[in-house]
Amino acid sequence: MDSLEDLDSETIERLGKQGGFLLTTYHAELDKDPASRATESSRSNVIALWHTIKQIYGKAVARDLFLLARSRRHPVELTA
């Protein structure tokens, strides 16, 4: 697959939510204690998800989903 447009909207939404949740969890653990087992585990979960997405859907989709998940963590404010 070459882009997110190749996936159905339910898949994009589900993967975006899962990725956003894992990134949020990782950053929360990182803020508490960067050297903890919980931080290491959260980081591993994020990496595992992205490797799986990359294997199933391809590098371009994995990149786009990462950007989507990251934007869910830090929504960009629109200015008029």
PDB file of N, CA and C in Angstrom:
ATOM      1  N   MET A   1       0.840  -1.175   0.000  1.00  0.00           N
ATOM      2  CA  MET A   1       0.000   0.000   0.000  1.00  0.00           C
ATOM      3  C   MET A   1       0.886   1.238   0.000  1.00  0.00           C
ATOM      4  N   ASP A   2       0.358   2.253  -0.636  1.00  0.00           N
ATOM      5  CA  ASP A   2       1.161   3.459  -0.781  1.00  0.00           C
ATOM      6  C   ASP A   2       0.759   4.597   0.148  1.00  0.00           C
ATOM      7  N   SER A   3      -0.470   4.566   0.663  1.00  0.00           N
ATOM      8  CA  SER A   3      -0.909   5.670   1.521  1.00  0.00           C
ATOM      9  C   SER A   3      -2.112   5.254   2.354  1.00  0.00           C
ATOM     10  N   LEU A   4      -2.462   6.124   3.288  1.00  0.00           N
ATOM     11  CA  LEU A   4      -3.628   5.863   4.128  1.00  0.00           C
ATOM     12  C   LEU A   4      -4.909   5.759   3.318  1.00  0.00           C
ATOM     13  N   GLU A   5      -4.970   6.441   2.193  1.00  0.00           N
ATOM     14  CA  GLU A   5      -6.176   6.417   1.368  1.00  0.00           C
ATOM     15  C   GLU A   5      -6.503   5.004   0.887  1.00  0.00           C
ATOM     16  N   ASP A   6      -5.520   4.113   0.923  1.00  0.00           N
ATOM     17  CA  ASP A   6      -5.747   2.733   0.506  1.00  0.00           C
ATOM     18  C   ASP A   6      -6.465   1.907   1.575  1.00  0.00           C
ATOM     19  N   LEU A   7      -6.569   2.449   2.802  1.00  0.00           N
ATOM     20  CA  LEU A   7      -7.242   1.747   3.895  1.00  0.00           C
ATOM     21  C   LEU A   7      -8.655   2.286   4.074  1.00  0.00           C
ATOM     22  N   ASP A   8      -9.532   1.463   4.639  1.00  0.00           N
ATOM     23  CA  ASP A   8     -10.872   1.960   4.925  1.00  0.00           C
ATOM     24  C   ASP A   8     -10.825   2.840   6.177  1.00  0.00           C
ATOM     25  N   SER A   9     -11.824   3.693   6.328  1.00  0.00           N
ATOM     26  CA  SER A   9     -11.815   4.676   7.406  1.00  0.00           C
ATOM     27  C   SER A   9     -11.850   4.034   8.799  1.00  0.00           C
ATOM     28  N   GLU A  10     -12.518   2.903   8.954  1.00  0.00           N
ATOM     29  CA  GLU A  10     -12.554   2.220  10.250  1.00  0.00           C
ATOM     30  C   GLU A  10     -11.165   1.753  10.666  1.00  0.00           C
ATOM     31  N   THR A  11     -10.415   1.214   9.725  1.00  0.00           N
ATOM     32  CA  THR A  11      -9.060   0.746  10.017  1.00  0.00           C
ATOM     33  C   THR A  11      -8.170   1.911  10.385  1.00  0.00           C
ATOM     34  N   ILE A  12      -8.255   2.998   9.635  1.00  0.00           N
ATOM     35  CA  ILE A  12      -7.451   4.188   9.926  1.00  0.00           C
ATOM     36  C   ILE A  12      -7.776   4.706  11.323  1.00  0.00           C
ATOM     37  N   GLU A  13      -9.061   4.804  11.635  1.00  0.00           N
ATOM     38  CA  GLU A  13      -9.488   5.322  12.936  1.00  0.00           C
ATOM     39  C   GLU A  13      -8.992   4.420  14.067  1.00  0.00           C
ATOM     40  N   ARG A  14      -9.161   3.121  13.919  1.00  0.00           N
ATOM     41  CA  ARG A  14      -8.753   2.178  14.963  1.00  0.00           C
ATOM     42  C   ARG A  14      -7.242   2.224  15.186  1.00  0.00           C
ATOM     43  N   LEU A  15      -6.473   2.188  14.106  1.00  0.00           N
ATOM     44  CA  LEU A  15      -5.021   2.211  14.248  1.00  0.00           C
ATOM     45  C   LEU A  15      -4.527   3.552  14.786  1.00  0.00           C
ATOM     46  N   GLY A  16      -5.177   4.634  14.377  1.00  0.00           N
ATOM     47  CA  GLY A  16      -4.818   5.952  14.900  1.00  0.00           C
ATOM     48  C   GLY A  16      -5.070   6.048  16.398  1.00  0.00           C
ATOM     49  N   LYS A  17      -6.201   5.522  16.850  1.00  0.00           N
ATOM     50  CA  LYS A  17      -6.520   5.530  18.286  1.00  0.00           C
ATOM     51  C   LYS A  17      -5.543   4.660  19.070  1.00  0.00           C
ATOM     52  N   GLN A  18      -5.271   3.470  18.554  1.00  0.00           N
ATOM     53  CA  GLN A  18      -4.345   2.573  19.242  1.00  0.00           C
ATOM     54  C   GLN A  18      -2.957   3.190  19.337  1.00  0.00           C
ATOM     55  N   GLY A  19      -2.494   3.741  18.227  1.00  0.00           N
ATOM     56  CA  GLY A  19      -1.175   4.373  18.220  1.00  0.00           C
ATOM     57  C   GLY A  19      -1.118   5.575  19.146  1.00  0.00           C
ATOM     58  N   GLY A  20      -2.163   6.387  19.127  1.00  0.00           N
ATOM     59  CA  GLY A  20      -2.218   7.554  20.009  1.00  0.00           C
ATOM     60  C   GLY A  20      -2.212   7.148  21.473  1.00  0.00           C
ATOM     61  N   PHE A  21      -2.969   6.100  21.803  1.00  0.00           N
ATOM     62  CA  PHE A  21      -3.001   5.603  23.174  1.00  0.00           C
ATOM     63  C   PHE A  21      -1.617   5.120  23.606  1.00  0.00           C
ATOM     64  N   LEU A  22      -0.961   4.331  22.754  1.00  0.00           N
ATOM     65  CA  LEU A  22       0.359   3.815  23.115  1.00  0.00           C
ATOM     66  C   LEU A  22       1.384   4.938  23.252  1.00  0.00           C
ATOM     67  N   LEU A  23       1.328   5.928  22.372  1.00  0.00           N
ATOM     68  CA  LEU A  23       2.248   7.058  22.492  1.00  0.00           C
ATOM     69  C   LEU A  23       1.990   7.864  23.760  1.00  0.00           C
ATOM     70  N   THR A  24       0.727   8.082  24.091  1.00  0.00           N
ATOM     71  CA  THR A  24       0.378   8.812  25.310  1.00  0.00           C
ATOM     72  C   THR A  24       0.878   8.065  26.543  1.00  0.00           C
ATOM     73  N   THR A  25       0.664   6.753  26.556  1.00  0.00           N
ATOM     74  CA  THR A  25       1.122   5.930  27.672  1.00  0.00           C
ATOM     75  C   THR A  25       2.637   5.989  27.800  1.00  0.00           C
ATOM     76  N   TYR A  26       3.323   5.864  26.679  1.00  0.00           N
ATOM     77  CA  TYR A  26       4.787   5.916  26.698  1.00  0.00           C
ATOM     78  C   TYR A  26       5.279   7.254  27.236  1.00  0.00           C
ATOM     79  N   HIS A  27       4.723   8.345  26.754  1.00  0.00           N
ATOM     80  CA  HIS A  27       5.181   9.662  27.204  1.00  0.00           C
ATOM     81  C   HIS A  27       4.856   9.908  28.675  1.00  0.00           C
ATOM     82  N   ALA A  28       3.740   9.385  29.154  1.00  0.00           N
ATOM     83  CA  ALA A  28       3.410   9.515  30.575  1.00  0.00           C
ATOM     84  C   ALA A  28       4.432   8.765  31.429  1.00  0.00           C
ATOM     85  N   GLU A  29       4.777   7.566  31.020  1.00  0.00           N
ATOM     86  CA  GLU A  29       5.782   6.791  31.748  1.00  0.00           C
ATOM     87  C   GLU A  29       7.155   7.444  31.654  1.00  0.00           C
ATOM     88  N   LEU A  30       7.491   7.958  30.505  1.00  0.00           N
ATOM     89  CA  LEU A  30       8.774   8.625  30.305  1.00  0.00           C
ATOM     90  C   LEU A  30       8.905   9.839  31.214  1.00  0.00           C
ATOM     91  N   ASP A  31       7.807  10.596  31.356  1.00  0.00           N
ATOM     92  CA  ASP A  31       7.821  11.765  32.231  1.00  0.00           C
ATOM     93  C   ASP A  31       8.000  11.379  33.699  1.00  0.00           C
ATOM     94  N   LYS A  32       7.421  10.225  34.097  1.00  0.00           N
ATOM     95  CA  LYS A  32       7.540   9.777  35.494  1.00  0.00           C
ATOM     96  C   LYS A  32       8.951   9.294  35.810  1.00  0.00           C
ATOM     97  N   ASP A  33       9.471   8.407  34.964  1.00  0.00           N
ATOM     98  CA  ASP A  33      10.798   7.823  35.215  1.00  0.00           C
ATOM     99  C   ASP A  33      11.342   7.241  33.918  1.00  0.00           C
ATOM    100  N   PRO A  34      12.257   7.973  33.269  1.00  0.00           N
ATOM    101  CA  PRO A  34      12.781   7.514  31.981  1.00  0.00           C
ATOM    102  C   PRO A  34      13.472   6.149  32.018  1.00  0.00           C
ATOM    103  N   ALA A  35      13.945   5.727  33.187  1.00  0.00           N
ATOM    104  CA  ALA A  35      14.694   4.473  33.273  1.00  0.00           C
ATOM    105  C   ALA A  35      13.863   3.309  33.820  1.00  0.00           C
ATOM    106  N   SER A  36      12.570   3.507  33.992  1.00  0.00           N
ATOM    107  CA  SER A  36      11.749   2.457  34.608  1.00  0.00           C
ATOM    108  C   SER A  36      11.414   1.334  33.628  1.00  0.00           C
ATOM    109  N   ARG A  37      11.024   0.217  34.207  1.00  0.00           N
ATOM    110  CA  ARG A  37      10.574  -0.926  33.388  1.00  0.00           C
ATOM    111  C   ARG A  37       9.290  -0.581  32.649  1.00  0.00           C
ATOM    112  N   ALA A  38       8.432   0.228  33.286  1.00  0.00           N
ATOM    113  CA  ALA A  38       7.171   0.624  32.650  1.00  0.00           C
ATOM    114  C   ALA A  38       7.445   1.450  31.400  1.00  0.00           C
ATOM    115  N   THR A  39       8.428   2.348  31.477  1.00  0.00           N
ATOM    116  CA  THR A  39       8.804   3.152  30.305  1.00  0.00           C
ATOM    117  C   THR A  39       9.346   2.255  29.204  1.00  0.00           C
ATOM    118  N   GLU A  40      10.213   1.337  29.579  1.00  0.00           N
ATOM    119  CA  GLU A  40      10.787   0.402  28.608  1.00  0.00           C
ATOM    120  C   GLU A  40       9.697  -0.439  27.946  1.00  0.00           C
ATOM    121  N   SER A  41       8.756  -0.906  28.740  1.00  0.00           N
ATOM    122  CA  SER A  41       7.664  -1.722  28.224  1.00  0.00           C
ATOM    123  C   SER A  41       6.768  -0.914  27.281  1.00  0.00           C
ATOM    124  N   SER A  42       6.451   0.304  27.673  1.00  0.00           N
ATOM    125  CA  SER A  42       5.612   1.167  26.827  1.00  0.00           C
ATOM    126  C   SER A  42       6.300   1.464  25.500  1.00  0.00           C
ATOM    127  N   ARG A  43       7.587   1.725  25.565  1.00  0.00           N
ATOM    128  CA  ARG A  43       8.358   1.979  24.336  1.00  0.00           C
ATOM    129  C   ARG A  43       8.333   0.752  23.430  1.00  0.00           C
ATOM    130  N   SER A  44       8.500  -0.419  24.021  1.00  0.00           N
ATOM    131  CA  SER A  44       8.463  -1.660  23.241  1.00  0.00           C
ATOM    132  C   SER A  44       7.115  -1.861  22.570  1.00  0.00           C
ATOM    133  N   ASN A  45       6.037  -1.514  23.283  1.00  0.00           N
ATOM    134  CA  ASN A  45       4.702  -1.643  22.704  1.00  0.00           C
ATOM    135  C   ASN A  45       4.523  -0.736  21.490  1.00  0.00           C
ATOM    136  N   VAL A  46       5.022   0.499  21.580  1.00  0.00           N
ATOM    137  CA  VAL A  46       4.936   1.432  20.452  1.00  0.00           C
ATOM    138  C   VAL A  46       5.720   0.884  19.263  1.00  0.00           C
ATOM    139  N   ILE A  47       6.933   0.445  19.517  1.00  0.00           N
ATOM    140  CA  ILE A  47       7.785  -0.088  18.442  1.00  0.00           C
ATOM    141  C   ILE A  47       7.140  -1.319  17.808  1.00  0.00           C
ATOM    142  N   ALA A  48       6.584  -2.196  18.623  1.00  0.00           N
ATOM    143  CA  ALA A  48       5.952  -3.414  18.093  1.00  0.00           C
ATOM    144  C   ALA A  48       4.772  -3.079  17.192  1.00  0.00           C
ATOM    145  N   LEU A  49       3.960  -2.111  17.608  1.00  0.00           N
ATOM    146  CA  LEU A  49       2.823  -1.717  16.767  1.00  0.00           C
ATOM    147  C   LEU A  49       3.304  -1.193  15.422  1.00  0.00           C
ATOM    148  N   TRP A  50       4.300  -0.305  15.435  1.00  0.00           N
ATOM    149  CA  TRP A  50       4.751   0.287  14.178  1.00  0.00           C
ATOM    150  C   TRP A  50       5.414  -0.747  13.270  1.00  0.00           C
ATOM    151  N   HIS A  51       6.158  -1.697  13.859  1.00  0.00           N
ATOM    152  CA  HIS A  51       6.750  -2.755  13.030  1.00  0.00           C
ATOM    153  C   HIS A  51       5.656  -3.618  12.398  1.00  0.00           C
ATOM    154  N   THR A  52       4.628  -3.914  13.167  1.00  0.00           N
ATOM    155  CA  THR A  52       3.521  -4.726  12.653  1.00  0.00           C
ATOM    156  C   THR A  52       2.791  -4.000  11.533  1.00  0.00           C
ATOM    157  N   ILE A  53       2.485  -2.724  11.743  1.00  0.00           N
ATOM    158  CA  ILE A  53       1.815  -1.934  10.705  1.00  0.00           C
ATOM    159  C   ILE A  53       2.674  -1.864   9.450  1.00  0.00           C
ATOM    160  N   LYS A  54       3.962  -1.665   9.644  1.00  0.00           N
ATOM    161  CA  LYS A  54       4.882  -1.586   8.494  1.00  0.00           C
ATOM    162  C   LYS A  54       4.896  -2.898   7.713  1.00  0.00           C
ATOM    163  N   GLN A  55       4.907  -4.020   8.423  1.00  0.00           N
ATOM    164  CA  GLN A  55       4.909  -5.315   7.751  1.00  0.00           C
ATOM    165  C   GLN A  55       3.614  -5.570   7.003  1.00  0.00           C
ATOM    166  N   ILE A  56       2.496  -5.202   7.605  1.00  0.00           N
ATOM    167  CA  ILE A  56       1.195  -5.495   6.995  1.00  0.00           C
ATOM    168  C   ILE A  56       0.858  -4.505   5.889  1.00  0.00           C
ATOM    169  N   TYR A  57       1.043  -3.201   6.166  1.00  0.00           N
ATOM    170  CA  TYR A  57       0.555  -2.166   5.255  1.00  0.00           C
ATOM    171  C   TYR A  57       1.637  -1.429   4.473  1.00  0.00           C
ATOM    172  N   GLY A  58       2.892  -1.557   4.887  1.00  0.00           N
ATOM    173  CA  GLY A  58       3.976  -0.892   4.178  1.00  0.00           C
ATOM    174  C   GLY A  58       4.491   0.343   4.912  1.00  0.00           C
ATOM    175  N   LYS A  59       5.657   0.774   4.489  1.00  0.00           N
ATOM    176  CA  LYS A  59       6.363   1.872   5.151  1.00  0.00           C
ATOM    177  C   LYS A  59       5.600   3.194   5.079  1.00  0.00           C
ATOM    178  N   ALA A  60       5.023   3.503   3.948  1.00  0.00           N
ATOM    179  CA  ALA A  60       4.319   4.784   3.780  1.00  0.00           C
ATOM    180  C   ALA A  60       3.102   4.865   4.696  1.00  0.00           C
ATOM    181  N   VAL A  61       2.349   3.792   4.799  1.00  0.00           N
ATOM    182  CA  VAL A  61       1.175   3.776   5.666  1.00  0.00           C
ATOM    183  C   VAL A  61       1.610   3.864   7.130  1.00  0.00           C
ATOM    184  N   ALA A  62       2.665   3.153   7.506  1.00  0.00           N
ATOM    185  CA  ALA A  62       3.166   3.213   8.879  1.00  0.00           C
ATOM    186  C   ALA A  62       3.563   4.646   9.240  1.00  0.00           C
ATOM    187  N   ARG A  63       4.236   5.329   8.322  1.00  0.00           N
ATOM    188  CA  ARG A  63       4.635   6.722   8.560  1.00  0.00           C
ATOM    189  C   ARG A  63       3.411   7.614   8.723  1.00  0.00           C
ATOM    190  N   ASP A  64       2.441   7.462   7.832  1.00  0.00           N
ATOM    191  CA  ASP A  64       1.232   8.290   7.895  1.00  0.00           C
ATOM    192  C   ASP A  64       0.439   8.030   9.170  1.00  0.00           C
ATOM    193  N   LEU A  65       0.362   6.772   9.585  1.00  0.00           N
ATOM    194  CA  LEU A  65      -0.355   6.448  10.816  1.00  0.00           C
ATOM    195  C   LEU A  65       0.378   6.989  12.045  1.00  0.00           C
ATOM    196  N   PHE A  66       1.702   6.971  12.006  1.00  0.00           N
ATOM    197  CA  PHE A  66       2.467   7.562  13.111  1.00  0.00           C
ATOM    198  C   PHE A  66       2.149   9.051  13.226  1.00  0.00           C
ATOM    199  N   LEU A  67       2.114   9.741  12.093  1.00  0.00           N
ATOM    200  CA  LEU A  67       1.796  11.169  12.108  1.00  0.00           C
ATOM    201  C   LEU A  67       0.371  11.408  12.605  1.00  0.00           C
ATOM    202  N   LEU A  68      -0.557  10.544  12.211  1.00  0.00           N
ATOM    203  CA  LEU A  68      -1.939  10.658  12.680  1.00  0.00           C
ATOM    204  C   LEU A  68      -2.012  10.446  14.191  1.00  0.00           C
ATOM    205  N   ALA A  69      -1.353   9.410  14.677  1.00  0.00           N
ATOM    206  CA  ALA A  69      -1.367   9.120  16.109  1.00  0.00           C
ATOM    207  C   ALA A  69      -0.718  10.252  16.899  1.00  0.00           C
ATOM    208  N   ARG A  70       0.375  10.776  16.370  1.00  0.00           N
ATOM    209  CA  ARG A  70       1.058  11.884  17.046  1.00  0.00           C
ATOM    210  C   ARG A  70       0.171  13.118  17.085  1.00  0.00           C
ATOM    211  N   SER A  71      -0.562  13.371  16.018  1.00  0.00           N
ATOM    212  CA  SER A  71      -1.448  14.539  15.998  1.00  0.00           C
ATOM    213  C   SER A  71      -2.609  14.362  16.973  1.00  0.00           C
ATOM    214  N   ARG A  72      -2.999  13.120  17.250  1.00  0.00           N
ATOM    215  CA  ARG A  72      -4.043  12.855  18.241  1.00  0.00           C
ATOM    216  C   ARG A  72      -3.540  13.172  19.648  1.00  0.00           C
ATOM    217  N   ARG A  73      -2.243  13.022  19.855  1.00  0.00           N
ATOM    218  CA  ARG A  73      -1.649  13.359  21.157  1.00  0.00           C
ATOM    219  C   ARG A  73      -1.540  14.864  21.319  1.00  0.00           C
ATOM    220  N   HIS A  74      -1.159  15.556  20.267  1.00  0.00           N
ATOM    221  CA  HIS A  74      -0.958  17.002  20.294  1.00  0.00           C
ATOM    222  C   HIS A  74      -1.700  17.645  19.136  1.00  0.00           C
ATOM    223  N   PRO A  75      -3.006  17.818  19.277  1.00  0.00           N
ATOM    224  CA  PRO A  75      -3.770  18.421  18.172  1.00  0.00           C
ATOM    225  C   PRO A  75      -3.246  19.812  17.826  1.00  0.00           C
ATOM    226  N   VAL A  76      -3.180  20.067  16.561  1.00  0.00           N
ATOM    227  CA  VAL A  76      -2.729  21.373  16.081  1.00  0.00           C
ATOM    228  C   VAL A  76      -3.899  22.335  16.156  1.00  0.00           C
ATOM    229  N   GLU A  77      -3.679  23.472  16.771  1.00  0.00           N
ATOM    230  CA  GLU A  77      -4.742  24.479  16.841  1.00  0.00           C
ATOM    231  C   GLU A  77      -4.809  25.226  15.524  1.00  0.00           C
ATOM    232  N   LEU A  78      -6.008  25.357  15.004  1.00  0.00           N
ATOM    233  CA  LEU A  78      -6.204  26.080  13.763  1.00  0.00           C
ATOM    234  C   LEU A  78      -6.382  27.558  14.062  1.00  0.00           C
ATOM    235  N   THR A  79      -5.749  28.390  13.257  1.00  0.00           N
ATOM    236  CA  THR A  79      -5.915  29.834  13.414  1.00  0.00           C
ATOM    237  C   THR A  79      -6.584  30.377  12.177  1.00  0.00           C
ATOM    238  N   ALA A  80      -7.446  31.356  12.386  1.00  0.00           N
ATOM    239  CA  ALA A  80      -8.189  31.924  11.259  1.00  0.00           C
ATOM    240  C   ALA A  80      -7.418  33.035  10.599  1.00  0.00           C
TER     241      ALA A  80
END
